């Protein structure tokens, strides 16, 4: 069993969406459906749990569930109704909320070494994610995407069964909501493991 918790920084690639006539009107862009391009960045918190089996003290295979949420800004570029001028908008109420699950593996390549590198680990997880970027009246929480996660960290023995550690997680969610875009997460995680 392993649990991770820590602060996270979230950002997205360009998100192409069509603004509805109502939203375009409320933004002063006219009464037609308009294409827009935006991006999100924010900070928040993430947590995850892993349950699995450790083979020969070197490789662990596990199921993982996790969630993270962040708040930040969504910056949007959209043309006016004449398509001659582009306007920039900034929504300070942007959020990114996610819940994910999947399978993963963790490798401990230096178990026999008594030096500092003992307890170093590398992880790889693959799964499905529910969630996305929300701003103003747009709610992206229901979108489904793939979830790819890589991690590196270091565990320290505190007893025969318990280990504490610190690590760095990098995740990528690939969305197919209207137009394809990706969200990226960098998380500093504090890690507790029971063997």
N, C-alpha and C. Protein backbone atom coordinates (compact mmCIF):
# COMPACT_ATOMS: atom_id res chain seq x y z
N UNK A 1 0.84 -1.18 0.00
CA UNK A 1 0.00 0.00 0.00
C UNK A 1 0.88 1.23 0.00
N UNK A 2 0.48 2.21 -0.78
CA UNK A 2 1.25 3.45 -0.87
C UNK A 2 0.28 4.63 -1.01
N UNK A 3 0.60 5.73 -0.35
CA UNK A 3 -0.22 6.93 -0.42
C UNK A 3 0.68 8.12 -0.71
N UNK A 4 0.21 9.01 -1.61
CA UNK A 4 0.95 10.20 -1.98
C UNK A 4 0.04 11.41 -1.87
N UNK A 5 0.61 12.50 -1.42
CA UNK A 5 -0.14 13.76 -1.34
C UNK A 5 0.85 14.90 -1.51
N UNK A 6 0.40 15.99 -2.17
CA UNK A 6 1.30 17.11 -2.34
C UNK A 6 0.76 18.19 -3.26
N UNK A 7 1.46 19.32 -3.32
CA UNK A 7 1.05 20.44 -4.17
C UNK A 7 1.28 20.12 -5.64
N UNK A 8 0.44 20.70 -6.50
CA UNK A 8 0.51 20.41 -7.94
C UNK A 8 0.40 21.70 -8.73
N UNK A 9 1.09 21.73 -9.87
CA UNK A 9 0.98 22.82 -10.84
C UNK A 9 0.41 22.22 -12.12
N UNK A 10 -0.66 22.84 -12.65
CA UNK A 10 -1.39 22.31 -13.80
C UNK A 10 -1.39 23.35 -14.91
N UNK A 11 -1.15 22.90 -16.15
CA UNK A 11 -1.26 23.80 -17.30
C UNK A 11 -1.72 23.00 -18.50
N UNK A 12 -2.23 23.70 -19.51
CA UNK A 12 -2.78 23.02 -20.69
C UNK A 12 -2.12 23.53 -21.96
N UNK A 13 -2.23 22.71 -23.00
CA UNK A 13 -1.89 23.17 -24.34
C UNK A 13 -3.05 24.04 -24.83
N UNK A 14 -2.97 24.55 -26.06
CA UNK A 14 -4.05 25.38 -26.60
C UNK A 14 -5.34 24.56 -26.71
N UNK A 15 -6.44 25.17 -26.26
CA UNK A 15 -7.76 24.53 -26.29
C UNK A 15 -8.61 25.28 -27.31
N UNK A 16 -9.01 24.60 -28.38
CA UNK A 16 -9.86 25.20 -29.41
C UNK A 16 -11.31 24.82 -29.14
N UNK A 17 -12.15 25.83 -28.96
CA UNK A 17 -13.58 25.61 -28.73
C UNK A 17 -14.38 26.64 -29.50
N UNK A 18 -15.63 26.30 -29.76
CA UNK A 18 -16.54 27.26 -30.39
C UNK A 18 -17.42 27.86 -29.31
N UNK A 19 -17.42 29.18 -29.23
CA UNK A 19 -18.27 29.87 -28.27
C UNK A 19 -19.71 29.87 -28.76
N UNK A 20 -20.64 29.58 -27.87
CA UNK A 20 -22.05 29.64 -28.25
C UNK A 20 -22.47 31.08 -28.49
N UNK A 21 -23.59 31.27 -29.16
CA UNK A 21 -24.06 32.63 -29.45
C UNK A 21 -24.33 33.40 -28.17
N UNK A 22 -24.84 32.72 -27.14
CA UNK A 22 -25.14 33.39 -25.88
C UNK A 22 -23.86 33.88 -25.21
N UNK A 23 -22.84 33.00 -25.15
CA UNK A 23 -21.57 33.38 -24.52
C UNK A 23 -20.89 34.48 -25.33
N UNK A 24 -20.91 34.34 -26.67
CA UNK A 24 -20.30 35.37 -27.51
C UNK A 24 -20.99 36.72 -27.31
N UNK A 25 -22.31 36.70 -27.21
CA UNK A 25 -23.04 37.95 -26.97
C UNK A 25 -22.67 38.55 -25.62
N UNK A 26 -22.62 37.70 -24.57
CA UNK A 26 -22.30 38.21 -23.23
C UNK A 26 -20.89 38.78 -23.16
N UNK A 27 -20.00 38.30 -24.02
CA UNK A 27 -18.64 38.83 -24.05
C UNK A 27 -18.51 40.04 -24.98
N UNK A 28 -19.60 40.44 -25.60
CA UNK A 28 -19.57 41.58 -26.49
C UNK A 28 -18.99 41.29 -27.86
N UNK A 29 -19.09 40.02 -28.29
CA UNK A 29 -18.50 39.61 -29.56
C UNK A 29 -19.53 39.44 -30.67
N UNK A 30 -20.76 39.74 -30.43
CA UNK A 30 -21.79 39.56 -31.46
C UNK A 30 -22.67 38.37 -31.15
N UNK A 31 -23.47 37.97 -32.15
CA UNK A 31 -24.49 36.95 -31.92
C UNK A 31 -24.27 35.69 -32.75
N UNK A 32 -23.05 35.39 -33.09
CA UNK A 32 -22.78 34.19 -33.89
C UNK A 32 -21.86 33.25 -33.12
N UNK A 33 -21.91 31.96 -33.49
CA UNK A 33 -20.96 31.01 -32.91
C UNK A 33 -19.56 31.38 -33.39
N UNK A 34 -18.62 31.48 -32.45
CA UNK A 34 -17.29 31.94 -32.80
C UNK A 34 -16.22 30.94 -32.34
N UNK A 35 -15.19 30.72 -33.14
CA UNK A 35 -14.08 29.88 -32.68
C UNK A 35 -13.25 30.66 -31.66
N UNK A 36 -12.71 29.93 -30.70
CA UNK A 36 -11.84 30.56 -29.71
C UNK A 36 -10.66 29.64 -29.43
N UNK A 37 -9.61 30.22 -28.90
CA UNK A 37 -8.43 29.45 -28.51
C UNK A 37 -8.01 29.95 -27.14
N UNK A 38 -7.80 29.02 -26.22
CA UNK A 38 -7.43 29.42 -24.86
C UNK A 38 -6.46 28.45 -24.24
N UNK A 39 -5.99 28.79 -23.05
CA UNK A 39 -5.10 27.91 -22.29
C UNK A 39 -5.31 28.18 -20.80
N UNK A 40 -4.99 27.15 -20.03
CA UNK A 40 -5.22 27.22 -18.58
C UNK A 40 -3.90 27.01 -17.84
N UNK A 41 -3.75 27.68 -16.71
CA UNK A 41 -2.66 27.39 -15.78
C UNK A 41 -3.14 27.68 -14.36
N UNK A 42 -2.73 26.83 -13.44
CA UNK A 42 -3.16 27.01 -12.06
C UNK A 42 -2.39 26.10 -11.12
N UNK A 43 -2.64 26.26 -9.84
CA UNK A 43 -1.99 25.43 -8.83
C UNK A 43 -3.03 24.89 -7.87
N UNK A 44 -2.70 23.76 -7.25
CA UNK A 44 -3.65 23.13 -6.35
C UNK A 44 -3.00 22.00 -5.58
N UNK A 45 -3.76 20.91 -5.39
CA UNK A 45 -3.33 19.81 -4.56
C UNK A 45 -3.75 18.50 -5.19
N UNK A 46 -2.94 17.46 -5.00
CA UNK A 46 -3.27 16.14 -5.52
C UNK A 46 -3.01 15.06 -4.49
N UNK A 47 -3.74 13.93 -4.63
CA UNK A 47 -3.56 12.78 -3.76
C UNK A 47 -3.80 11.52 -4.57
N UNK A 48 -3.11 10.45 -4.21
CA UNK A 48 -3.32 9.18 -4.88
C UNK A 48 -3.01 8.03 -3.94
N UNK A 49 -3.60 6.87 -4.23
CA UNK A 49 -3.37 5.66 -3.45
C UNK A 49 -3.06 4.51 -4.41
N UNK A 50 -2.14 3.63 -3.98
CA UNK A 50 -1.75 2.47 -4.78
C UNK A 50 -1.88 1.23 -3.91
N UNK A 51 -2.36 0.15 -4.52
CA UNK A 51 -2.47 -1.13 -3.84
C UNK A 51 -1.98 -2.20 -4.79
N UNK A 52 -0.97 -2.96 -4.37
CA UNK A 52 -0.42 -3.94 -5.29
C UNK A 52 0.48 -4.95 -4.63
N UNK A 53 1.34 -5.55 -5.44
CA UNK A 53 2.23 -6.62 -5.01
C UNK A 53 3.67 -6.25 -5.36
N UNK A 54 4.58 -6.51 -4.41
CA UNK A 54 6.01 -6.27 -4.63
C UNK A 54 6.69 -7.61 -4.90
N UNK A 55 7.36 -7.70 -6.05
CA UNK A 55 8.03 -8.93 -6.45
C UNK A 55 9.54 -8.82 -6.19
N UNK A 56 10.05 -9.73 -5.36
CA UNK A 56 11.50 -9.84 -5.13
C UNK A 56 12.13 -8.53 -4.65
N UNK A 57 11.35 -7.66 -4.07
CA UNK A 57 11.83 -6.37 -3.54
C UNK A 57 12.30 -5.39 -4.62
N UNK A 58 12.08 -5.73 -5.89
CA UNK A 58 12.58 -4.87 -6.97
C UNK A 58 11.48 -4.23 -7.82
N UNK A 59 10.39 -4.94 -8.05
CA UNK A 59 9.34 -4.45 -8.95
C UNK A 59 7.98 -4.58 -8.26
N UNK A 60 7.19 -3.52 -8.30
CA UNK A 60 5.83 -3.54 -7.77
C UNK A 60 4.85 -3.34 -8.91
N UNK A 61 3.78 -4.12 -8.91
CA UNK A 61 2.66 -3.93 -9.84
C UNK A 61 1.45 -3.56 -9.00
N UNK A 62 0.67 -2.57 -9.43
CA UNK A 62 -0.40 -2.07 -8.57
C UNK A 62 -1.54 -1.45 -9.37
N UNK A 63 -2.66 -1.30 -8.69
CA UNK A 63 -3.78 -0.48 -9.17
C UNK A 63 -3.66 0.87 -8.47
N UNK A 64 -4.03 1.92 -9.19
CA UNK A 64 -3.90 3.28 -8.65
C UNK A 64 -5.20 4.05 -8.84
N UNK A 65 -5.57 4.84 -7.84
CA UNK A 65 -6.66 5.81 -7.95
C UNK A 65 -6.13 7.13 -7.39
N UNK A 66 -6.59 8.22 -7.96
CA UNK A 66 -6.12 9.52 -7.50
C UNK A 66 -7.03 10.64 -7.95
N UNK A 67 -6.77 11.79 -7.43
CA UNK A 67 -7.53 12.99 -7.78
C UNK A 67 -6.66 14.21 -7.55
N UNK A 68 -6.94 15.25 -8.30
CA UNK A 68 -6.31 16.54 -8.02
C UNK A 68 -7.24 17.65 -8.47
N UNK A 69 -7.07 18.78 -7.86
CA UNK A 69 -7.86 19.96 -8.21
C UNK A 69 -6.97 21.18 -8.11
N UNK A 70 -7.16 22.10 -9.05
CA UNK A 70 -6.39 23.34 -9.02
C UNK A 70 -7.29 24.49 -9.41
N UNK A 71 -6.90 25.67 -9.02
CA UNK A 71 -7.59 26.89 -9.45
C UNK A 71 -6.55 27.81 -10.05
N UNK A 72 -6.98 28.56 -11.07
CA UNK A 72 -6.05 29.45 -11.76
C UNK A 72 -6.76 30.31 -12.77
N UNK A 73 -6.09 30.60 -13.87
CA UNK A 73 -6.64 31.49 -14.88
C UNK A 73 -6.77 30.78 -16.22
N UNK A 74 -7.82 31.14 -16.92
CA UNK A 74 -8.03 30.67 -18.29
C UNK A 74 -7.95 31.90 -19.18
N UNK A 75 -6.99 31.90 -20.11
CA UNK A 75 -6.81 33.03 -21.03
C UNK A 75 -7.33 32.62 -22.40
N UNK A 76 -8.19 33.46 -22.97
CA UNK A 76 -8.90 33.13 -24.20
C UNK A 76 -8.71 34.21 -25.25
N UNK A 77 -8.46 33.79 -26.49
CA UNK A 77 -8.45 34.69 -27.65
C UNK A 77 -9.65 34.36 -28.52
N UNK A 78 -10.40 35.38 -28.91
CA UNK A 78 -11.56 35.16 -29.78
C UNK A 78 -11.73 36.35 -30.71
N UNK A 79 -12.13 36.11 -31.96
CA UNK A 79 -12.39 37.23 -32.88
C UNK A 79 -13.75 37.85 -32.59
N UNK A 80 -13.94 39.09 -33.03
CA UNK A 80 -15.27 39.67 -32.94
C UNK A 80 -16.14 39.12 -34.07
N UNK A 81 -17.39 39.55 -34.11
CA UNK A 81 -18.35 38.99 -35.07
C UNK A 81 -17.98 39.30 -36.52
N UNK A 82 -17.12 40.29 -36.74
CA UNK A 82 -16.69 40.59 -38.11
C UNK A 82 -15.45 39.80 -38.51
N UNK A 83 -14.86 39.06 -37.55
CA UNK A 83 -13.65 38.27 -37.75
C UNK A 83 -12.45 39.13 -38.17
N UNK A 84 -12.47 40.41 -37.83
CA UNK A 84 -11.37 41.29 -38.22
C UNK A 84 -10.45 41.61 -37.05
N UNK A 85 -10.95 41.57 -35.84
CA UNK A 85 -10.13 41.87 -34.66
C UNK A 85 -10.20 40.74 -33.67
N UNK A 86 -9.07 40.44 -33.04
CA UNK A 86 -9.02 39.39 -32.02
C UNK A 86 -8.95 40.05 -30.66
N UNK A 87 -9.77 39.56 -29.75
CA UNK A 87 -9.77 40.10 -28.40
C UNK A 87 -9.25 39.06 -27.42
N UNK A 88 -8.63 39.57 -26.36
CA UNK A 88 -8.10 38.68 -25.32
C UNK A 88 -8.97 38.82 -24.07
N UNK A 89 -9.26 37.67 -23.46
CA UNK A 89 -10.05 37.65 -22.23
C UNK A 89 -9.30 36.81 -21.21
N UNK A 90 -9.47 37.17 -19.94
CA UNK A 90 -8.83 36.43 -18.87
C UNK A 90 -9.88 36.11 -17.81
N UNK A 91 -10.07 34.82 -17.55
CA UNK A 91 -11.02 34.37 -16.54
C UNK A 91 -10.21 33.89 -15.32
N UNK A 92 -10.35 34.62 -14.21
CA UNK A 92 -9.60 34.27 -13.00
C UNK A 92 -10.28 33.18 -12.18
N UNK A 93 -11.46 32.71 -12.64
CA UNK A 93 -12.19 31.69 -11.90
C UNK A 93 -12.00 30.30 -12.51
N UNK A 94 -10.94 30.11 -13.30
CA UNK A 94 -10.71 28.82 -13.93
C UNK A 94 -10.33 27.74 -12.92
N UNK A 95 -10.78 26.51 -13.18
CA UNK A 95 -10.43 25.38 -12.34
C UNK A 95 -10.10 24.17 -13.22
N UNK A 96 -9.37 23.25 -12.66
CA UNK A 96 -9.09 21.97 -13.31
C UNK A 96 -9.29 20.89 -12.26
N UNK A 97 -10.31 20.03 -12.47
CA UNK A 97 -10.64 18.99 -11.50
C UNK A 97 -10.58 17.63 -12.19
N UNK A 98 -9.96 16.65 -11.53
CA UNK A 98 -9.74 15.35 -12.15
C UNK A 98 -9.84 14.22 -11.14
N UNK A 99 -10.35 13.08 -11.62
CA UNK A 99 -10.32 11.81 -10.89
C UNK A 99 -9.83 10.76 -11.86
N UNK A 100 -8.87 9.93 -11.45
CA UNK A 100 -8.30 8.96 -12.38
C UNK A 100 -8.06 7.63 -11.70
N UNK A 101 -7.96 6.60 -12.53
CA UNK A 101 -7.66 5.26 -12.05
C UNK A 101 -6.94 4.50 -13.14
N UNK A 102 -6.17 3.49 -12.74
CA UNK A 102 -5.46 2.71 -13.74
C UNK A 102 -4.55 1.68 -13.12
N UNK A 103 -3.57 1.26 -13.89
CA UNK A 103 -2.59 0.27 -13.47
C UNK A 103 -1.19 0.85 -13.63
N UNK A 104 -0.27 0.35 -12.81
CA UNK A 104 1.08 0.88 -12.91
C UNK A 104 2.12 -0.09 -12.40
N UNK A 105 3.35 0.31 -12.55
CA UNK A 105 4.48 -0.47 -12.05
C UNK A 105 5.53 0.48 -11.48
N UNK A 106 6.21 0.01 -10.46
CA UNK A 106 7.27 0.79 -9.84
C UNK A 106 8.52 -0.09 -9.76
N UNK A 107 9.66 0.47 -10.08
CA UNK A 107 10.91 -0.27 -10.09
C UNK A 107 11.85 0.33 -9.04
N UNK A 108 12.44 -0.56 -8.22
CA UNK A 108 13.44 -0.19 -7.23
C UNK A 108 14.77 -0.81 -7.68
N UNK A 109 15.56 -0.12 -8.49
CA UNK A 109 16.72 -0.78 -9.11
C UNK A 109 17.92 -0.99 -8.19
N UNK A 110 17.95 -0.36 -7.01
CA UNK A 110 19.16 -0.40 -6.18
C UNK A 110 18.88 -0.94 -4.79
N UNK A 111 18.08 -1.98 -4.66
CA UNK A 111 17.71 -2.52 -3.35
C UNK A 111 18.91 -3.09 -2.58
N UNK A 112 19.88 -3.64 -3.28
CA UNK A 112 21.02 -4.26 -2.59
C UNK A 112 22.08 -3.26 -2.18
N UNK A 113 21.96 -2.03 -2.65
CA UNK A 113 22.97 -1.01 -2.34
C UNK A 113 22.64 -0.36 -0.99
N UNK A 114 23.61 -0.23 -0.13
CA UNK A 114 23.38 0.38 1.18
C UNK A 114 23.62 1.88 1.18
N UNK A 115 24.00 2.46 0.04
CA UNK A 115 24.27 3.88 -0.04
C UNK A 115 23.01 4.71 -0.23
N UNK A 116 23.22 5.96 -0.63
CA UNK A 116 22.11 6.90 -0.77
C UNK A 116 21.10 6.46 -1.83
N UNK A 117 21.57 5.77 -2.86
CA UNK A 117 20.66 5.40 -3.95
C UNK A 117 19.72 4.24 -3.57
N UNK A 118 19.95 3.59 -2.43
CA UNK A 118 19.02 2.58 -1.95
C UNK A 118 17.68 3.26 -1.64
N UNK A 119 16.60 2.74 -2.17
CA UNK A 119 15.28 3.34 -1.98
C UNK A 119 14.84 4.24 -3.11
N UNK A 120 15.72 4.47 -4.08
CA UNK A 120 15.34 5.25 -5.26
C UNK A 120 14.34 4.44 -6.09
N UNK A 121 13.28 5.08 -6.57
CA UNK A 121 12.29 4.35 -7.36
C UNK A 121 11.88 5.13 -8.60
N UNK A 122 11.39 4.39 -9.60
CA UNK A 122 10.85 4.95 -10.84
C UNK A 122 9.49 4.32 -11.08
N UNK A 123 8.50 5.11 -11.44
CA UNK A 123 7.16 4.58 -11.65
C UNK A 123 6.57 4.98 -12.98
N UNK A 124 5.66 4.14 -13.46
CA UNK A 124 4.93 4.38 -14.72
C UNK A 124 3.50 3.91 -14.53
N UNK A 125 2.52 4.79 -14.81
CA UNK A 125 1.10 4.46 -14.65
C UNK A 125 0.34 4.85 -15.90
N UNK A 126 -0.67 4.07 -16.22
CA UNK A 126 -1.52 4.33 -17.38
C UNK A 126 -2.96 4.06 -16.99
N UNK A 127 -3.87 4.97 -17.34
CA UNK A 127 -5.26 4.77 -16.95
C UNK A 127 -6.20 5.71 -17.64
N UNK A 128 -7.41 5.83 -17.08
CA UNK A 128 -8.45 6.72 -17.58
C UNK A 128 -8.69 7.84 -16.59
N UNK A 129 -9.06 8.98 -17.10
CA UNK A 129 -9.24 10.18 -16.31
C UNK A 129 -10.61 10.79 -16.62
N UNK A 130 -11.29 11.25 -15.60
CA UNK A 130 -12.54 11.99 -15.77
C UNK A 130 -12.31 13.38 -15.20
N UNK A 131 -12.51 14.40 -16.01
CA UNK A 131 -12.34 15.77 -15.55
C UNK A 131 -11.73 16.64 -16.61
N UNK A 132 -11.63 17.91 -16.33
CA UNK A 132 -11.08 18.85 -17.30
C UNK A 132 -11.09 20.27 -16.78
N UNK A 133 -10.91 21.19 -17.70
CA UNK A 133 -10.83 22.62 -17.38
C UNK A 133 -12.22 23.24 -17.43
N UNK A 134 -12.54 24.01 -16.41
CA UNK A 134 -13.80 24.76 -16.35
C UNK A 134 -13.48 26.23 -16.17
N UNK A 135 -14.30 27.08 -16.79
CA UNK A 135 -14.16 28.52 -16.63
C UNK A 135 -15.48 29.17 -17.00
N UNK A 136 -15.77 30.30 -16.42
CA UNK A 136 -17.00 31.04 -16.67
C UNK A 136 -18.18 30.08 -16.65
N UNK A 137 -18.96 29.96 -17.74
CA UNK A 137 -20.09 29.03 -17.77
C UNK A 137 -19.73 27.68 -18.37
N UNK A 138 -18.50 27.49 -18.79
CA UNK A 138 -18.11 26.23 -19.41
C UNK A 138 -17.66 25.25 -18.33
N UNK A 139 -18.24 24.05 -18.33
CA UNK A 139 -17.91 23.02 -17.34
C UNK A 139 -17.27 21.83 -18.04
N UNK A 140 -15.97 21.62 -17.81
CA UNK A 140 -15.26 20.53 -18.46
C UNK A 140 -15.08 19.30 -17.59
N UNK A 141 -15.77 19.24 -16.44
CA UNK A 141 -15.54 18.17 -15.48
C UNK A 141 -15.94 16.80 -16.01
N UNK A 142 -16.92 16.73 -16.92
CA UNK A 142 -17.41 15.44 -17.39
C UNK A 142 -16.61 14.82 -18.52
N UNK A 143 -15.56 15.44 -19.00
CA UNK A 143 -14.85 14.88 -20.15
C UNK A 143 -13.95 13.72 -19.72
N UNK A 144 -13.80 12.75 -20.61
CA UNK A 144 -12.99 11.55 -20.36
C UNK A 144 -11.72 11.63 -21.18
N UNK A 145 -10.61 11.22 -20.59
CA UNK A 145 -9.33 11.29 -21.30
C UNK A 145 -8.42 10.16 -20.83
N UNK A 146 -7.33 9.98 -21.55
CA UNK A 146 -6.30 9.04 -21.10
C UNK A 146 -5.42 9.73 -20.07
N UNK A 147 -4.79 8.93 -19.22
CA UNK A 147 -3.95 9.47 -18.15
C UNK A 147 -2.62 8.71 -18.16
N UNK A 148 -1.54 9.41 -18.42
CA UNK A 148 -0.19 8.83 -18.41
C UNK A 148 0.61 9.53 -17.32
N UNK A 149 1.26 8.74 -16.48
CA UNK A 149 1.99 9.32 -15.35
C UNK A 149 3.36 8.68 -15.20
N UNK A 150 4.36 9.53 -14.98
CA UNK A 150 5.72 9.08 -14.67
C UNK A 150 6.12 9.67 -13.33
N UNK A 151 6.89 8.92 -12.57
CA UNK A 151 7.34 9.46 -11.29
C UNK A 151 8.72 8.95 -10.94
N UNK A 152 9.40 9.73 -10.12
CA UNK A 152 10.71 9.37 -9.59
C UNK A 152 10.74 9.86 -8.15
N UNK A 153 11.38 9.07 -7.30
CA UNK A 153 11.42 9.48 -5.90
C UNK A 153 12.39 8.66 -5.09
N UNK A 154 12.38 8.92 -3.79
CA UNK A 154 13.30 8.26 -2.87
C UNK A 154 12.55 7.92 -1.60
N UNK A 155 12.67 6.66 -1.18
CA UNK A 155 12.07 6.21 0.07
C UNK A 155 13.15 6.02 1.14
N UNK A 156 12.75 6.27 2.39
CA UNK A 156 13.63 6.08 3.53
C UNK A 156 12.97 5.10 4.49
N UNK A 157 13.74 4.12 4.98
CA UNK A 157 13.21 3.14 5.93
C UNK A 157 12.99 3.80 7.28
N UNK A 158 11.78 3.64 7.83
CA UNK A 158 11.51 4.11 9.19
C UNK A 158 11.22 2.93 10.12
N UNK A 159 10.89 1.78 9.55
CA UNK A 159 10.73 0.54 10.30
C UNK A 159 10.79 -0.61 9.30
N UNK A 160 10.59 -1.82 9.79
CA UNK A 160 10.65 -2.97 8.91
C UNK A 160 9.57 -2.92 7.83
N UNK A 161 8.40 -2.41 8.18
CA UNK A 161 7.27 -2.40 7.25
C UNK A 161 6.96 -1.04 6.65
N UNK A 162 7.39 0.05 7.27
CA UNK A 162 6.98 1.39 6.84
C UNK A 162 8.15 2.16 6.23
N UNK A 163 7.82 2.91 5.17
CA UNK A 163 8.80 3.75 4.50
C UNK A 163 8.16 5.12 4.24
N UNK A 164 8.96 6.16 4.38
CA UNK A 164 8.54 7.51 4.03
C UNK A 164 9.42 7.99 2.89
N UNK A 165 8.86 8.86 2.05
CA UNK A 165 9.65 9.32 0.92
C UNK A 165 9.14 10.61 0.34
N UNK A 166 9.85 11.06 -0.67
CA UNK A 166 9.48 12.26 -1.41
C UNK A 166 9.74 11.97 -2.88
N UNK A 167 8.92 12.56 -3.74
CA UNK A 167 9.08 12.29 -5.17
C UNK A 167 8.51 13.39 -6.03
N UNK A 168 8.65 13.20 -7.31
CA UNK A 168 8.14 14.14 -8.30
C UNK A 168 7.32 13.34 -9.31
N UNK A 169 6.09 13.82 -9.56
CA UNK A 169 5.17 13.17 -10.50
C UNK A 169 4.94 14.10 -11.68
N UNK A 170 4.99 13.55 -12.87
CA UNK A 170 4.61 14.26 -14.09
C UNK A 170 3.50 13.50 -14.79
N UNK A 171 2.38 14.16 -15.09
CA UNK A 171 1.22 13.50 -15.71
C UNK A 171 0.79 14.25 -16.95
N UNK A 172 0.20 13.48 -17.88
CA UNK A 172 -0.37 14.07 -19.10
C UNK A 172 -1.74 13.46 -19.33
N UNK A 173 -2.75 14.32 -19.48
CA UNK A 173 -4.10 13.90 -19.84
C UNK A 173 -4.39 14.36 -21.26
N UNK A 174 -4.76 13.44 -22.12
CA UNK A 174 -5.05 13.76 -23.53
C UNK A 174 -6.56 13.80 -23.72
N UNK A 175 -7.10 14.99 -23.95
CA UNK A 175 -8.54 15.18 -24.10
C UNK A 175 -8.94 15.18 -25.57
N UNK A 176 -10.16 14.75 -25.83
CA UNK A 176 -10.74 14.80 -27.17
C UNK A 176 -12.12 15.43 -27.06
N UNK A 177 -12.16 16.63 -26.53
CA UNK A 177 -13.40 17.33 -26.26
C UNK A 177 -13.54 18.49 -27.24
N UNK A 178 -14.22 18.27 -28.36
CA UNK A 178 -14.31 19.28 -29.40
C UNK A 178 -13.07 19.24 -30.25
N UNK A 179 -11.95 19.75 -29.75
CA UNK A 179 -10.65 19.64 -30.39
C UNK A 179 -9.69 19.00 -29.42
N UNK A 180 -8.70 18.30 -29.92
CA UNK A 180 -7.76 17.61 -29.04
C UNK A 180 -6.89 18.63 -28.31
N UNK A 181 -6.71 18.41 -27.02
CA UNK A 181 -5.78 19.22 -26.25
C UNK A 181 -5.26 18.37 -25.09
N UNK A 182 -4.22 18.83 -24.45
CA UNK A 182 -3.61 18.09 -23.35
C UNK A 182 -3.49 18.97 -22.12
N UNK A 183 -3.59 18.32 -20.97
CA UNK A 183 -3.28 18.98 -19.70
C UNK A 183 -2.08 18.27 -19.10
N UNK A 184 -1.24 19.06 -18.42
CA UNK A 184 -0.03 18.54 -17.81
C UNK A 184 -0.03 18.89 -16.32
N UNK A 185 0.47 17.97 -15.51
CA UNK A 185 0.53 18.18 -14.07
C UNK A 185 1.95 17.86 -13.59
N UNK A 186 2.51 18.76 -12.81
CA UNK A 186 3.75 18.51 -12.09
C UNK A 186 3.41 18.56 -10.60
N UNK A 187 3.73 17.48 -9.90
CA UNK A 187 3.36 17.40 -8.48
C UNK A 187 4.54 16.97 -7.64
N UNK A 188 4.77 17.70 -6.56
CA UNK A 188 5.74 17.28 -5.55
C UNK A 188 4.97 16.44 -4.55
N UNK A 189 5.31 15.15 -4.41
CA UNK A 189 4.51 14.30 -3.56
C UNK A 189 5.29 13.81 -2.34
N UNK A 190 4.57 13.74 -1.24
CA UNK A 190 5.08 13.17 0.00
C UNK A 190 4.44 11.80 0.12
N UNK A 191 5.26 10.81 0.41
CA UNK A 191 4.96 9.43 0.08
C UNK A 191 5.11 8.56 1.32
N UNK A 192 4.11 7.72 1.61
CA UNK A 192 4.21 6.75 2.69
C UNK A 192 3.86 5.38 2.11
N UNK A 193 4.66 4.36 2.44
CA UNK A 193 4.46 3.02 1.91
C UNK A 193 4.49 2.01 3.06
N UNK A 194 3.56 1.07 3.00
CA UNK A 194 3.59 -0.05 3.93
C UNK A 194 3.79 -1.33 3.13
N UNK A 195 4.76 -2.12 3.53
CA UNK A 195 5.04 -3.38 2.84
C UNK A 195 4.59 -4.55 3.67
